[in-house]
Every structure is written in C-alpha cells, then in structure tokens.
C-alpha cells in the first residue's frame, strides 16, 4: 500500500474537517458558503467557486471521493511533486464549475468530484496499464479503460438529463481541464517544479 503524500493527506484532512464542521450548529450559518449556487441567484457568492469542492452532500459522497483520492492521488503527487499536484487538483476542481454552469441545468453543486475526476485522469495518463480493482463488481480493469468508462457514463447521463443527483458535467469539466493541463505539463515538464 502506498503511503500518503503530504498534499493528499492535507486534502483528505481539509475535506473531512469541513464536512463535519458544517454539521455543527456553530458553523450552520456558513454552509451556504460551501455550496456553489447558480450564478444568477442571490445565494451565489464568488468564494463558492473555490469552497464548494471542500464540502460534500453526505457521508457516502465524502467517503467515495476521499477513497479515490487516497488510492490514486499519492501516485500522481509522487510523479509531479506537491506543488504541481496541488495546482492540478485545484484547477481541475475550479474547471469543473465551467461545464457544470454551462450544461448542468442551473442546479447547486458541491463536492470534490471534479477535482477527483482530474486525479483519475492523471493516474490513467501516468499509469495507463495499471490494474485497478473495482469495488462493484470486484473485477480488475486497466486504469485507462476505467477512466474511459466513467467518463462515457458521465457523458451519457449528463446528455440524457437523467435525474441522478450527480453533477455529471462537473465530473466531465474536471477531466477536460485535467486533459488540458496534462498536455501543458507534457510540453513543459518543469512547469511548477
């Protein structure tokens, strides 16, 4: 098992602390600052573009996002280094907002899923043939195929307008921004080193 890297460890800690802090009565008045509301509503505040990715819509949402970060993030951070990894993670999370706002149907969004989609894409780029064991069903799959399947499902469900309660276009936005950044990193390997 890979040991945790510094940035991944801190991201895990921040996400868990924010999630549980916002359940406490003392912090209840701040909850709206950690959800990205539609830009044309009075509940929107610009800070939400950043803070929404540190809150989650339930314990299972938090668990699966952090589990994915725990398993895939350290491998990416070790290759790119902490500064480049943190930059990539945050920009993927911010970029996820773009597609969600354009195609997400004007709904509120929260969670690290856009950034996590970017991390999965980066892992698949760096380790395309690494075998990943799925949880449900428990079968091994190469990382490159796992990412292609997940993005295809997000695209299909996003376009179909299925009411899943998941921000599929935010996932796609994080992956799209991730793909752009990966190309930037390939052209300039010393970027953020």
Protein backbone atom coordinates (compact mmCIF):
# COMPACT_ATOMS: atom_id res chain seq x y z
CA UNK A 1 0.00 0.00 0.00
CA UNK A 2 1.27 3.44 -0.87
CA UNK A 3 2.00 5.79 1.97
CA UNK A 4 0.18 9.08 1.94
CA UNK A 5 1.87 12.09 0.42
CA UNK A 6 1.68 15.49 2.07
CA UNK A 7 -0.77 17.23 -0.27
CA UNK A 8 -3.12 14.25 -0.43
CA UNK A 9 -3.02 13.91 3.37
CA UNK A 10 -3.87 17.59 3.82
CA UNK A 11 -6.66 17.49 1.21
CA UNK A 12 -8.18 14.48 2.95
CA UNK A 13 -8.00 16.25 6.30
CA UNK A 14 -9.47 19.52 4.98
CA UNK A 15 -12.39 17.76 3.28
CA UNK A 16 -13.23 15.69 6.35
CA UNK A 17 -12.92 18.63 8.75
CA UNK A 18 -15.04 20.93 6.56
CA UNK A 19 -17.74 18.28 6.11
CA UNK A 20 -18.09 17.57 9.82
CA UNK A 21 -17.63 21.20 10.91
CA UNK A 22 -20.55 22.26 8.71
CA UNK A 23 -22.80 19.78 10.55
CA UNK A 24 -22.18 21.59 13.85
CA UNK A 25 -24.69 24.27 14.90
CA UNK A 26 -21.92 26.85 15.33
CA UNK A 27 -20.98 26.61 11.63
CA UNK A 28 -24.50 26.16 10.23
CA UNK A 29 -24.65 29.80 9.10
CA UNK A 30 -21.60 29.22 6.89
CA UNK A 31 -22.98 26.23 4.99
CA UNK A 32 -24.10 28.32 2.00
CA UNK A 33 -20.53 29.50 1.51
CA UNK A 34 -19.51 25.89 0.76
CA UNK A 35 -22.11 25.15 -1.93
CA UNK A 36 -21.90 26.56 -5.43
CA UNK A 37 -25.31 28.04 -6.15
CA UNK A 38 -26.36 29.14 -9.65
CA UNK A 39 -24.62 32.36 -10.59
CA UNK A 40 -27.88 34.24 -11.20
CA UNK A 41 -29.30 33.65 -7.72
CA UNK A 42 -28.94 35.76 -4.57
CA UNK A 43 -27.38 32.76 -2.77
CA UNK A 44 -24.33 32.84 -5.07
CA UNK A 45 -21.09 34.24 -3.65
CA UNK A 46 -17.87 34.21 -5.71
CA UNK A 47 -15.96 32.37 -2.95
CA UNK A 48 -18.21 29.34 -3.60
CA UNK A 49 -16.32 28.68 -6.85
CA UNK A 50 -13.44 27.50 -4.65
CA UNK A 51 -15.08 26.39 -1.41
CA UNK A 52 -17.73 24.12 -2.94
CA UNK A 53 -15.07 21.48 -3.61
CA UNK A 54 -14.38 21.04 0.10
CA UNK A 55 -17.94 20.18 1.15
CA UNK A 56 -19.94 17.06 0.32
CA UNK A 57 -23.59 16.14 0.06
CA UNK A 58 -23.45 13.25 2.50
CA UNK A 59 -21.11 10.81 4.18
CA UNK A 60 -21.06 8.41 1.21
CA UNK A 61 -20.24 11.28 -1.18
CA UNK A 62 -17.35 12.28 1.08
CA UNK A 63 -16.22 8.67 1.57
CA UNK A 64 -16.03 7.72 -2.11
CA UNK A 65 -14.34 10.95 -3.18
CA UNK A 66 -11.75 10.69 -0.41
CA UNK A 67 -11.24 6.96 -1.01
CA UNK A 68 -10.47 7.69 -4.66
CA UNK A 69 -8.09 10.49 -3.68
CA UNK A 70 -6.42 8.20 -1.13
CA UNK A 71 -5.75 5.42 -3.64
CA UNK A 72 -4.83 7.41 -6.75
CA UNK A 73 -3.60 10.81 -5.57
CA UNK A 74 -0.30 9.78 -3.93
CA UNK A 75 0.92 8.10 -7.12
CA UNK A 76 0.28 11.25 -9.13
CA UNK A 77 1.75 13.53 -6.46
CA UNK A 78 4.95 11.46 -6.30
CA UNK A 79 5.49 11.83 -10.06
CA UNK A 80 4.61 15.51 -10.36
CA UNK A 81 5.65 16.78 -6.95
CA UNK A 82 3.46 18.51 -4.37
CA UNK A 83 3.21 21.97 -5.97
CA UNK A 84 2.25 20.73 -9.42
CA UNK A 85 -0.19 18.18 -7.97
CA UNK A 86 -1.93 20.76 -5.77
CA UNK A 87 -2.15 23.21 -8.68
CA UNK A 88 -3.61 20.46 -10.89
CA UNK A 89 -6.12 19.34 -8.24
CA UNK A 90 -7.39 22.85 -7.55
CA UNK A 91 -7.58 23.89 -11.21
CA UNK A 92 -9.49 20.70 -12.09
CA UNK A 93 -11.91 21.47 -9.26
CA UNK A 94 -12.31 25.06 -10.42
CA UNK A 95 -12.60 23.96 -14.05
CA UNK A 96 -15.37 21.56 -13.21
CA UNK A 97 -17.51 24.61 -12.49
CA UNK A 98 -17.26 25.74 -16.11
CA UNK A 99 -19.01 22.74 -17.67
CA UNK A 100 -21.46 22.49 -14.79
CA UNK A 101 -22.52 26.13 -15.20
CA UNK A 102 -22.82 25.77 -18.99
CA UNK A 103 -24.63 22.42 -19.09
CA UNK A 104 -25.63 21.44 -15.54
CA UNK A 105 -29.15 22.74 -15.64
CA UNK A 106 -28.75 25.55 -13.15
CA UNK A 107 -28.55 23.37 -10.06
CA UNK A 108 -26.41 23.87 -6.98
CA UNK A 109 -23.28 21.72 -6.75
CA UNK A 110 -20.81 20.71 -4.08
CA UNK A 111 -18.02 18.20 -3.65
CA UNK A 112 -14.55 17.36 -4.84
CA UNK A 113 -15.76 15.15 -7.70
CA UNK A 114 -14.49 17.43 -10.47
CA UNK A 115 -11.01 17.51 -8.94
CA UNK A 116 -11.19 13.75 -8.33
CA UNK A 117 -12.08 13.16 -11.99
CA UNK A 118 -8.94 15.08 -12.88
CA UNK A 119 -6.86 12.96 -10.49
CA UNK A 120 -8.25 9.75 -12.02
CA UNK A 121 -7.43 11.03 -15.50
CA UNK A 122 -3.88 11.92 -14.41
CA UNK A 123 -3.40 8.46 -12.88
CA UNK A 124 -4.63 6.81 -16.10
CA UNK A 125 -2.28 9.01 -18.12
CA UNK A 126 0.72 8.17 -15.94
CA UNK A 127 -0.15 4.50 -15.39
CA UNK A 128 -2.46 3.51 -18.27
CA UNK A 129 -1.97 -0.24 -17.86
CA UNK A 130 -2.09 -0.35 -14.06
CA UNK A 131 -4.72 -2.83 -12.94
CA UNK A 132 -7.36 -1.29 -10.71
CA UNK A 133 -9.77 -3.46 -8.74
CA UNK A 134 -13.32 -2.17 -8.91
CA UNK A 135 -15.45 -2.31 -5.78
CA UNK A 136 -18.73 -3.16 -7.52
CA UNK A 137 -18.37 -5.51 -9.33
CA UNK A 138 -14.98 -6.67 -7.95
CA UNK A 139 -13.11 -7.11 -11.23
CA UNK A 140 -9.67 -5.87 -12.32
CA UNK A 141 -9.58 -3.27 -15.04
CA UNK A 142 -6.76 -1.26 -16.60
CA UNK A 143 -6.76 2.37 -15.44
CA UNK A 144 -7.17 3.73 -18.98
CA UNK A 145 -10.34 1.68 -19.51
CA UNK A 146 -11.76 2.57 -16.10
CA UNK A 147 -11.45 6.29 -16.84
CA UNK A 148 -12.93 5.91 -20.32
CA UNK A 149 -15.92 4.01 -18.90
CA UNK A 150 -16.52 6.50 -16.09
CA UNK A 151 -16.36 9.49 -18.44
CA UNK A 152 -18.60 7.77 -21.01
CA UNK A 153 -21.19 7.10 -18.28
CA UNK A 154 -20.99 10.73 -17.11
CA UNK A 155 -21.39 11.96 -20.68
CA UNK A 156 -24.36 9.70 -21.36
CA UNK A 157 -26.13 10.54 -18.09
CA UNK A 158 -25.36 14.24 -18.45
CA UNK A 159 -26.68 14.46 -22.01
CA UNK A 160 -29.71 12.30 -21.28
CA UNK A 161 -30.70 14.60 -18.42
CA UNK A 162 -31.13 11.65 -16.07
CA UNK A 163 -32.07 12.80 -12.59
CA UNK A 164 -29.29 11.08 -10.64
CA UNK A 165 -28.43 13.84 -8.16
CA UNK A 166 -24.88 13.76 -9.53
CA UNK A 167 -23.23 16.69 -11.30
CA UNK A 168 -22.07 14.71 -14.35
CA UNK A 169 -20.92 17.79 -16.22
CA UNK A 170 -18.79 18.81 -13.24
CA UNK A 171 -17.02 15.43 -13.49
CA UNK A 172 -16.53 15.96 -17.22
CA UNK A 173 -15.32 19.52 -16.64
CA UNK A 174 -12.69 18.36 -14.15
CA UNK A 175 -11.48 15.72 -16.61
CA UNK A 176 -11.47 18.18 -19.53
CA UNK A 177 -9.41 20.74 -17.62
CA UNK A 178 -7.19 17.87 -16.45
CA UNK A 179 -6.58 16.79 -20.05
CA UNK A 180 -5.62 20.36 -21.00
CA UNK A 181 -3.24 20.62 -18.03
CA UNK A 182 -1.66 17.25 -18.83
CA UNK A 183 -0.90 18.50 -22.34
CA UNK A 184 0.61 21.65 -20.82
CA UNK A 185 2.74 19.54 -18.48
CA UNK A 186 3.90 17.33 -21.38
CA UNK A 187 5.05 20.39 -23.34
CA UNK A 188 6.67 21.96 -20.29
CA UNK A 189 7.83 19.22 -17.86
CA UNK A 190 9.37 21.79 -15.49
CA UNK A 191 6.07 23.67 -15.02
CA UNK A 192 5.53 24.27 -11.27
CA UNK A 193 8.58 22.18 -10.30
